PDB file of N, CA and C in Angstrom:
ATOM      1  N   MET A   1      93.704  45.247  16.007  1.00  0.00           N
ATOM      2  CA  MET A   1      93.720  44.752  17.615  1.00  0.00           C
ATOM      3  C   MET A   1      92.356  45.738  18.474  1.00  0.00           C
ATOM      4  N   THR A   2      91.679  45.212  18.856  1.00  0.00           N
ATOM      5  CA  THR A   2      90.880  46.100  20.391  1.00  0.00           C
ATOM      6  C   THR A   2      92.252  45.766  21.202  1.00  0.00           C
ATOM      7  N   GLU A   3      91.542  47.095  22.070  1.00  0.00           N
ATOM      8  CA  GLU A   3      92.044  47.392  23.710  1.00  0.00           C
ATOM      9  C   GLU A   3      91.624  45.819  24.028  1.00  0.00           C
ATOM     10  N   ALA A   4      90.473  45.372  24.210  1.00  0.00           N
ATOM     11  CA  ALA A   4      89.743  44.785  25.379  1.00  0.00           C
ATOM     12  C   ALA A   4      90.250  43.285  24.864  1.00  0.00           C
ATOM     13  N   GLN A   5      90.981  43.070  23.216  1.00  0.00           N
ATOM     14  CA  GLN A   5      91.791  42.351  22.252  1.00  0.00           C
ATOM     15  C   GLN A   5      93.138  41.732  23.096  1.00  0.00           C
ATOM     16  N   GLN A   6      93.488  43.315  23.437  1.00  0.00           N
ATOM     17  CA  GLN A   6      95.158  43.143  23.499  1.00  0.00           C
ATOM     18  C   GLN A   6      94.934  43.504  24.926  1.00  0.00           C
ATOM     19  N   PHE A   7      94.254  43.608  25.579  1.00  0.00           N
ATOM     20  CA  PHE A   7      93.992  43.579  27.733  1.00  0.00           C
ATOM     21  C   PHE A   7      93.952  41.881  27.411  1.00  0.00           C
ATOM     22  N   ALA A   8      92.819  40.792  27.088  1.00  0.00           N
ATOM     23  CA  ALA A   8      92.830  39.587  26.815  1.00  0.00           C
ATOM     24  C   ALA A   8      94.088  39.151  26.549  1.00  0.00           C
ATOM     25  N   GLU A   9      94.630  39.161  25.745  1.00  0.00           N
ATOM     26  CA  GLU A   9      95.953  38.468  25.573  1.00  0.00           C
ATOM     27  C   GLU A   9      96.826  39.099  26.175  1.00  0.00           C
ATOM     28  N   ALA A  10      97.455  39.566  26.794  1.00  0.00           N
ATOM     29  CA  ALA A  10      98.123  39.915  27.877  1.00  0.00           C
ATOM     30  C   ALA A  10      97.555  39.174  29.593  1.00  0.00           C
ATOM     31  N   VAL A  11      96.074  39.086  29.582  1.00  0.00           N
ATOM     32  CA  VAL A  11      96.043  38.072  31.138  1.00  0.00           C
ATOM     33  C   VAL A  11      96.276  36.984  30.826  1.00  0.00           C
ATOM     34  N   CYS A  12      94.955  36.019  29.782  1.00  0.00           N
ATOM     35  CA  CYS A  12      96.506  34.597  29.010  1.00  0.00           C
ATOM     36  C   CYS A  12      97.271  34.896  29.040  1.00  0.00           C
ATOM     37  N   ALA A  13      98.405  35.441  28.569  1.00  0.00           N
ATOM     38  CA  ALA A  13      99.904  35.385  29.106  1.00  0.00           C
ATOM     39  C   ALA A  13     100.129  34.755  29.973  1.00  0.00           C
ATOM     40  N   LYS A  14      99.780  36.021  30.989  1.00  0.00           N
ATOM     41  CA  LYS A  14     100.973  35.857  32.858  1.00  0.00           C
ATOM     42  C   LYS A  14      99.735  34.077  33.008  1.00  0.00           C
ATOM     43  N   ILE A  15      98.698  34.660  32.746  1.00  0.00           N
ATOM     44  CA  ILE A  15      97.817  33.213  32.977  1.00  0.00           C
ATOM     45  C   ILE A  15      98.727  32.367  32.875  1.00  0.00           C
ATOM     46  N   ARG A  16      98.588  31.913  31.876  1.00  0.00           N
ATOM     47  CA  ARG A  16      99.553  30.760  31.013  1.00  0.00           C
ATOM     48  C   ARG A  16     100.931  31.081  31.593  1.00  0.00           C
ATOM     49  N   LYS A  17     101.998  32.140  31.431  1.00  0.00           N
ATOM     50  CA  LYS A  17     103.077  31.725  32.158  1.00  0.00           C
ATOM     51  C   LYS A  17     103.112  30.703  33.314  1.00  0.00           C
ATOM     52  N   ASP A  18     102.029  31.364  34.810  1.00  0.00           N
ATOM     53  CA  ASP A  18     101.605  30.680  35.606  1.00  0.00           C
ATOM     54  C   ASP A  18     101.696  29.661  35.966  1.00  0.00           C
ATOM     55  N   MET A  19     100.981  29.024  35.307  1.00  0.00           N
ATOM     56  CA  MET A  19     100.349  27.984  34.864  1.00  0.00           C
ATOM     57  C   MET A  19     101.956  26.574  34.193  1.00  0.00           C
ATOM     58  N   ASN A  20     102.190  27.335  33.752  1.00  0.00           N
ATOM     59  CA  ASN A  20     103.615  26.672  32.946  1.00  0.00           C
ATOM     60  C   ASN A  20     105.001  26.582  34.532  1.00  0.00           C
ATOM     61  N   ASP A  21     104.556  27.875  35.146  1.00  0.00           N
ATOM     62  CA  ASP A  21     105.948  28.169  36.684  1.00  0.00           C
ATOM     63  C   ASP A  21     105.075  26.504  36.716  1.00  0.00           C
ATOM     64  N   TYR A  22     103.928  26.631  37.431  1.00  0.00           N
ATOM     65  CA  TYR A  22     103.859  25.339  38.826  1.00  0.00           C
ATOM     66  C   TYR A  22     103.958  24.115  38.173  1.00  0.00           C
ATOM     67  N   CYS A  23     103.743  24.072  36.905  1.00  0.00           N
ATOM     68  CA  CYS A  23     103.494  22.378  36.380  1.00  0.00           C
ATOM     69  C   CYS A  23     105.252  22.816  35.935  1.00  0.00           C
ATOM     70  N   ASP A  24     106.577  23.604  36.167  1.00  0.00           N
ATOM     71  CA  ASP A  24     107.653  22.829  35.795  1.00  0.00           C
ATOM     72  C   ASP A  24     107.645  22.610  37.395  1.00  0.00           C
ATOM     73  N   ASP A  25     107.659  23.303  38.592  1.00  0.00           N
ATOM     74  CA  ASP A  25     107.994  22.912  39.809  1.00  0.00           C
ATOM     75  C   ASP A  25     107.420  21.309  39.596  1.00  0.00           C
ATOM     76  N   MET A  26     106.210  20.837  39.460  1.00  0.00           N
ATOM     77  CA  MET A  26     105.903  19.735  39.838  1.00  0.00           C
ATOM     78  C   MET A  26     106.708  18.998  39.208  1.00  0.00           C
ATOM     79  N   ALA A  27     107.394  19.537  37.719  1.00  0.00           N
ATOM     80  CA  ALA A  27     107.883  18.151  37.086  1.00  0.00           C
ATOM     81  C   ALA A  27     109.483  18.372  37.948  1.00  0.00           C
ATOM     82  N   ASN A  28     109.922  19.381  38.219  1.00  0.00           N
ATOM     83  CA  ASN A  28     111.351  19.274  39.221  1.00  0.00           C
ATOM     84  C   ASN A  28     111.377  18.617  40.056  1.00  0.00           C
ATOM     85  N   GLY A  29     110.098  18.317  41.337  1.00  0.00           N
ATOM     86  CA  GLY A  29     110.126  17.466  42.412  1.00  0.00           C
ATOM     87  C   GLY A  29     109.885  18.263  43.596  1.00  0.00           C
ATOM     88  N   GLY A  30     108.995  19.822  42.864  1.00  0.00           N
ATOM     89  CA  GLY A  30     108.945  20.550  43.586  1.00  0.00           C
ATOM     90  C   GLY A  30     107.477  20.708  44.801  1.00  0.00           C
ATOM     91  N   CYS A  31     107.385  19.307  44.962  1.00  0.00           N
ATOM     92  CA  CYS A  31     105.735  19.099  45.728  1.00  0.00           C
ATOM     93  C   CYS A  31     106.967  18.386  46.692  1.00  0.00           C
ATOM     94  N   ARG A  32     106.910  18.791  48.042  1.00  0.00           N
ATOM     95  CA  ARG A  32     106.932  17.684  49.249  1.00  0.00           C
ATOM     96  C   ARG A  32     106.096  17.082  50.004  1.00  0.00           C
ATOM     97  N   SER A  33     105.182  16.960  49.569  1.00  0.00           N
ATOM     98  CA  SER A  33     103.822  16.403  49.949  1.00  0.00           C
ATOM     99  C   SER A  33     102.473  16.228  48.852  1.00  0.00           C
ATOM    100  N   PHE A  34     102.103  14.753  49.454  1.00  0.00           N
ATOM    101  CA  PHE A  34     100.801  15.163  48.730  1.00  0.00           C
ATOM    102  C   PHE A  34      99.599  16.458  48.012  1.00  0.00           C
ATOM    103  N   GLU A  35      99.759  16.535  49.780  1.00  0.00           N
ATOM    104  CA  GLU A  35      98.995  18.412  49.819  1.00  0.00           C
ATOM    105  C   GLU A  35      99.296  19.508  49.127  1.00  0.00           C
ATOM    106  N   GLU A  36     101.264  18.907  49.017  1.00  0.00           N
ATOM    107  CA  GLU A  36     101.544  20.469  47.889  1.00  0.00           C
ATOM    108  C   GLU A  36     101.296  20.177  46.074  1.00  0.00           C
ATOM    109  N   TYR A  37     101.317  18.829  46.541  1.00  0.00           N
ATOM    110  CA  TYR A  37     101.130  18.294  44.974  1.00  0.00           C
ATOM    111  C   TYR A  37      99.441  18.731  44.425  1.00  0.00           C
ATOM    112  N   LYS A  38      98.518  18.430  45.700  1.00  0.00           N
ATOM    113  CA  LYS A  38      97.112  18.697  45.539  1.00  0.00           C
ATOM    114  C   LYS A  38      97.621  20.057  45.386  1.00  0.00           C
ATOM    115  N   GLU A  39      97.713  20.830  45.864  1.00  0.00           N
ATOM    116  CA  GLU A  39      97.709  22.411  45.756  1.00  0.00           C
ATOM    117  C   GLU A  39      97.897  23.300  45.169  1.00  0.00           C
ATOM    118  N   LEU A  40      99.393  22.362  43.952  1.00  0.00           N
ATOM    119  CA  LEU A  40      99.291  22.645  42.782  1.00  0.00           C
ATOM    120  C   LEU A  40      98.337  22.739  41.543  1.00  0.00           C
ATOM    121  N   CYS A  41      97.480  21.578  41.682  1.00  0.00           N
ATOM    122  CA  CYS A  41      97.316  20.700  40.964  1.00  0.00           C
ATOM    123  C   CYS A  41      95.974  21.510  40.795  1.00  0.00           C
ATOM    124  N   GLY A  42      95.285  22.455  41.757  1.00  0.00           N
ATOM    125  CA  GLY A  42      94.338  22.623  42.058  1.00  0.00           C
ATOM    126  C   GLY A  42      94.359  24.481  41.328  1.00  0.00           C
ATOM    127  N   ARG A  43      95.534  24.674  41.778  1.00  0.00           N
ATOM    128  CA  ARG A  43      96.491  26.196  41.551  1.00  0.00           C
ATOM    129  C   ARG A  43      96.574  26.275  39.946  1.00  0.00           C
ATOM    130  N   ILE A  44      96.409  25.159  39.464  1.00  0.00           N
ATOM    131  CA  ILE A  44      96.288  24.915  37.541  1.00  0.00           C
ATOM    132  C   ILE A  44      95.138  24.819  37.209  1.00  0.00           C
ATOM    133  N   ARG A  45      94.406  24.131  37.755  1.00  0.00           N
ATOM    134  CA  ARG A  45      93.231  24.171  37.494  1.00  0.00           C
ATOM    135  C   ARG A  45      92.599  25.445  38.057  1.00  0.00           C
ATOM    136  N   GLY A  46      92.628  26.052  38.882  1.00  0.00           N
ATOM    137  CA  GLY A  46      91.790  27.453  38.795  1.00  0.00           C
ATOM    138  C   GLY A  46      92.700  27.785  37.270  1.00  0.00           C
ATOM    139  N   LEU A  47      93.605  28.387  37.555  1.00  0.00           N
ATOM    140  CA  LEU A  47      94.554  29.022  36.574  1.00  0.00           C
ATOM    141  C   LEU A  47      93.431  28.684  34.643  1.00  0.00           C
ATOM    142  N   ALA A  48      93.051  27.495  35.160  1.00  0.00           N
ATOM    143  CA  ALA A  48      92.930  27.014  33.431  1.00  0.00           C
ATOM    144  C   ALA A  48      91.770  27.843  33.353  1.00  0.00           C
ATOM    145  N   MET A  49      90.670  26.955  33.824  1.00  0.00           N
ATOM    146  CA  MET A  49      89.390  28.339  34.259  1.00  0.00           C
ATOM    147  C   MET A  49      89.216  29.721  33.934  1.00  0.00           C
ATOM    148  N   ALA A  50      90.057  29.747  34.809  1.00  0.00           N
ATOM    149  CA  ALA A  50      90.236  31.979  34.407  1.00  0.00           C
ATOM    150  C   ALA A  50      90.590  32.252  32.745  1.00  0.00           C
ATOM    151  N   GLU A  51      91.762  31.368  32.364  1.00  0.00           N
ATOM    152  CA  GLU A  51      92.303  31.818  31.347  1.00  0.00           C
ATOM    153  C   GLU A  51      90.727  31.449  29.922  1.00  0.00           C
ATOM    154  N   ASP A  52      90.397  30.260  30.183  1.00  0.00           N
ATOM    155  CA  ASP A  52      88.644  30.476  29.691  1.00  0.00           C
ATOM    156  C   ASP A  52      87.691  31.343  29.631  1.00  0.00           C
ATOM    157  N   TYR A  53      87.404  31.405  30.531  1.00  0.00           N
ATOM    158  CA  TYR A  53      86.443  32.282  31.143  1.00  0.00           C
ATOM    159  C   TYR A  53      87.517  33.658  30.314  1.00  0.00           C
ATOM    160  N   VAL A  54      88.362  34.625  30.511  1.00  0.00           N
ATOM    161  CA  VAL A  54      88.738  35.662  29.915  1.00  0.00           C
ATOM    162  C   VAL A  54      88.223  35.531  27.928  1.00  0.00           C
ATOM    163  N   LYS A  55      88.904  34.372  27.152  1.00  0.00           N
ATOM    164  CA  LYS A  55      89.105  33.592  25.906  1.00  0.00           C
ATOM    165  C   LYS A  55      87.586  34.267  25.729  1.00  0.00           C
ATOM    166  N   ALA A  56      86.415  33.358  26.638  1.00  0.00           N
ATOM    167  CA  ALA A  56      85.107  33.498  26.863  1.00  0.00           C
ATOM    168  C   ALA A  56      84.405  35.035  26.498  1.00  0.00           C
ATOM    169  N   LEU A  57      85.103  35.368  27.592  1.00  0.00           N
ATOM    170  CA  LEU A  57      84.496  36.778  27.027  1.00  0.00           C
ATOM    171  C   LEU A  57      85.727  38.083  26.680  1.00  0.00           C
ATOM    172  N   ALA A  58      86.149  37.675  25.951  1.00  0.00           N
ATOM    173  CA  ALA A  58      87.093  37.995  25.002  1.00  0.00           C
ATOM    174  C   ALA A  58      86.089  38.210  23.626  1.00  0.00           C
ATOM    175  N   LYS A  59      85.910  37.328  23.784  1.00  0.00           N
ATOM    176  CA  LYS A  59      84.882  36.719  22.012  1.00  0.00           C
ATOM    177  C   LYS A  59      83.993  36.999  22.238  1.00  0.00           C
ATOM    178  N   LYS A  60      82.501  37.374  23.263  1.00  0.00           N
ATOM    179  CA  LYS A  60      81.721  37.712  23.499  1.00  0.00           C
ATOM    180  C   LYS A  60      81.570  39.234  22.995  1.00  0.00           C
ATOM    181  N   VAL A  61      82.862  40.275  23.615  1.00  0.00           N
ATOM    182  CA  VAL A  61      83.416  41.434  23.635  1.00  0.00           C
ATOM    183  C   VAL A  61      83.592  41.703  21.925  1.00  0.00           C
ATOM    184  N   GLU A  62      84.273  40.814  21.445  1.00  0.00           N
ATOM    185  CA  GLU A  62      83.959  41.043  20.314  1.00  0.00           C
ATOM    186  C   GLU A  62      83.170  40.664  19.463  1.00  0.00           C
ATOM    187  N   THR A  63      82.364  39.630  19.402  1.00  0.00           N
ATOM    188  CA  THR A  63      81.254  39.690  19.024  1.00  0.00           C
ATOM    189  C   THR A  63      80.408  40.689  19.263  1.00  0.00           C
ATOM    190  N   ASP A  64      79.506  40.895  20.123  1.00  0.00           N
ATOM    191  CA  ASP A  64      78.837  42.620  20.401  1.00  0.00           C
ATOM    192  C   ASP A  64      79.541  43.638  19.786  1.00  0.00           C
ATOM    193  N   ASP A  65      80.185  44.075  20.185  1.00  0.00           N
ATOM    194  CA  ASP A  65      80.902  44.674  19.345  1.00  0.00           C
ATOM    195  C   ASP A  65      80.794  44.861  17.637  1.00  0.00           C
ATOM    196  N   ASP A  66      81.182  43.356  17.028  1.00  0.00           N
ATOM    197  CA  ASP A  66      80.692  43.144  15.750  1.00  0.00           C
ATOM    198  C   ASP A  66      78.989  43.642  15.192  1.00  0.00           C
ATOM    199  N   GLN A  67      78.360  42.874  15.889  1.00  0.00           N
ATOM    200  CA  GLN A  67      77.418  43.175  15.927  1.00  0.00           C
ATOM    201  C   GLN A  67      76.352  44.739  15.778  1.00  0.00           C
ATOM    202  N   SER A  68      77.101  45.056  16.762  1.00  0.00           N
ATOM    203  CA  SER A  68      76.710  46.574  17.377  1.00  0.00           C
ATOM    204  C   SER A  68      76.948  47.517  16.448  1.00  0.00           C
ATOM    205  N   ASP A  69      77.646  47.479  15.482  1.00  0.00           N
ATOM    206  CA  ASP A  69      78.804  48.171  14.188  1.00  0.00           C
ATOM    207  C   ASP A  69      77.718  48.682  12.946  1.00  0.00           C
ATOM    208  N   PRO A  70      77.430  49.256  12.542  1.00  0.00           N
ATOM    209  CA  PRO A  70      76.487  50.085  11.890  1.00  0.00           C
ATOM    210  C   PRO A  70      76.694  48.906  10.380  1.00  0.00           C
ATOM    211  N   ALA A  71      77.007  48.436   9.101  1.00  0.00           N
ATOM    212  CA  ALA A  71      76.852  48.051   7.746  1.00  0.00           C
ATOM    213  C   ALA A  71      77.674  49.612   7.481  1.00  0.00           C
ATOM    214  N   PRO A  72      78.371  49.861   6.509  1.00  0.00           N
ATOM    215  CA  PRO A  72      78.594  51.029   6.144  1.00  0.00           C
ATOM    216  C   PRO A  72      78.024  51.799   4.914  1.00  0.00           C
ATOM    217  N   GLY A  73      77.398  52.946   5.817  1.00  0.00           N
ATOM    218  CA  GLY A  73      76.584  53.330   4.632  1.00  0.00           C
ATOM    219  C   GLY A  73      74.745  53.603   5.322  1.00  0.00           C
ATOM    220  N   ALA A  74      74.701  52.684   5.919  1.00  0.00           N
ATOM    221  CA  ALA A  74      73.903  52.288   6.805  1.00  0.00           C
ATOM    222  C   ALA A  74      73.570  53.043   7.670  1.00  0.00           C
ATOM    223  N   LYS A  75      72.283  53.186   8.207  1.00  0.00           N
ATOM    224  CA  LYS A  75      71.439  54.466   8.659  1.00  0.00           C
ATOM    225  C   LYS A  75      71.086  53.417   9.760  1.00  0.00           C
ATOM    226  N   SER A  76      71.586  53.835  11.374  1.00  0.00           N
ATOM    227  CA  SER A  76      71.701  53.004  12.318  1.00  0.00           C
ATOM    228  C   SER A  76      70.342  53.244  13.400  1.00  0.00           C
ATOM    229  N   ALA A  77      69.268  52.215  13.620  1.00  0.00           N
ATOM    230  CA  ALA A  77      68.465  52.315  14.320  1.00  0.00           C
ATOM    231  C   ALA A  77      68.527  52.734  15.565  1.00  0.00           C
ATOM    232  N   ALA A  78      66.933  53.608  16.882  1.00  0.00           N
ATOM    233  CA  ALA A  78      67.684  53.860  17.686  1.00  0.00           C
ATOM    234  C   ALA A  78      66.721  53.260  18.712  1.00  0.00           C
ATOM    235  N   ARG A  79      67.442  52.548  19.274  1.00  0.00           N
ATOM    236  CA  ARG A  79      67.218  51.891  20.593  1.00  0.00           C
ATOM    237  C   ARG A  79      66.451  52.583  21.808  1.00  0.00           C
ATOM    238  N   TYR A  80      66.060  51.334  22.365  1.00  0.00           N
ATOM    239  CA  TYR A  80      64.801  51.488  23.046  1.00  0.00           C
ATOM    240  C   TYR A  80      64.920  51.046  24.228  1.00  0.00           C
TER     241      TYR A  80
END
């Protein structure tokens, strides 16, 4: 596992924990008003988007790394 993958997994784990904590707060009656409910929904939605971005970027980095690594024994072409 690359450092980028480890970083992405650590960030996603933190994001997922926060999302679960907010969901637990909502399920346990932590919202005293509709405004608080909407705020938590917005936070959860934002965290879900952030998690998707991190996963997509990690996949892109992995794909870019795979494409930039020459096959064993192959000569690398100069890039201009």
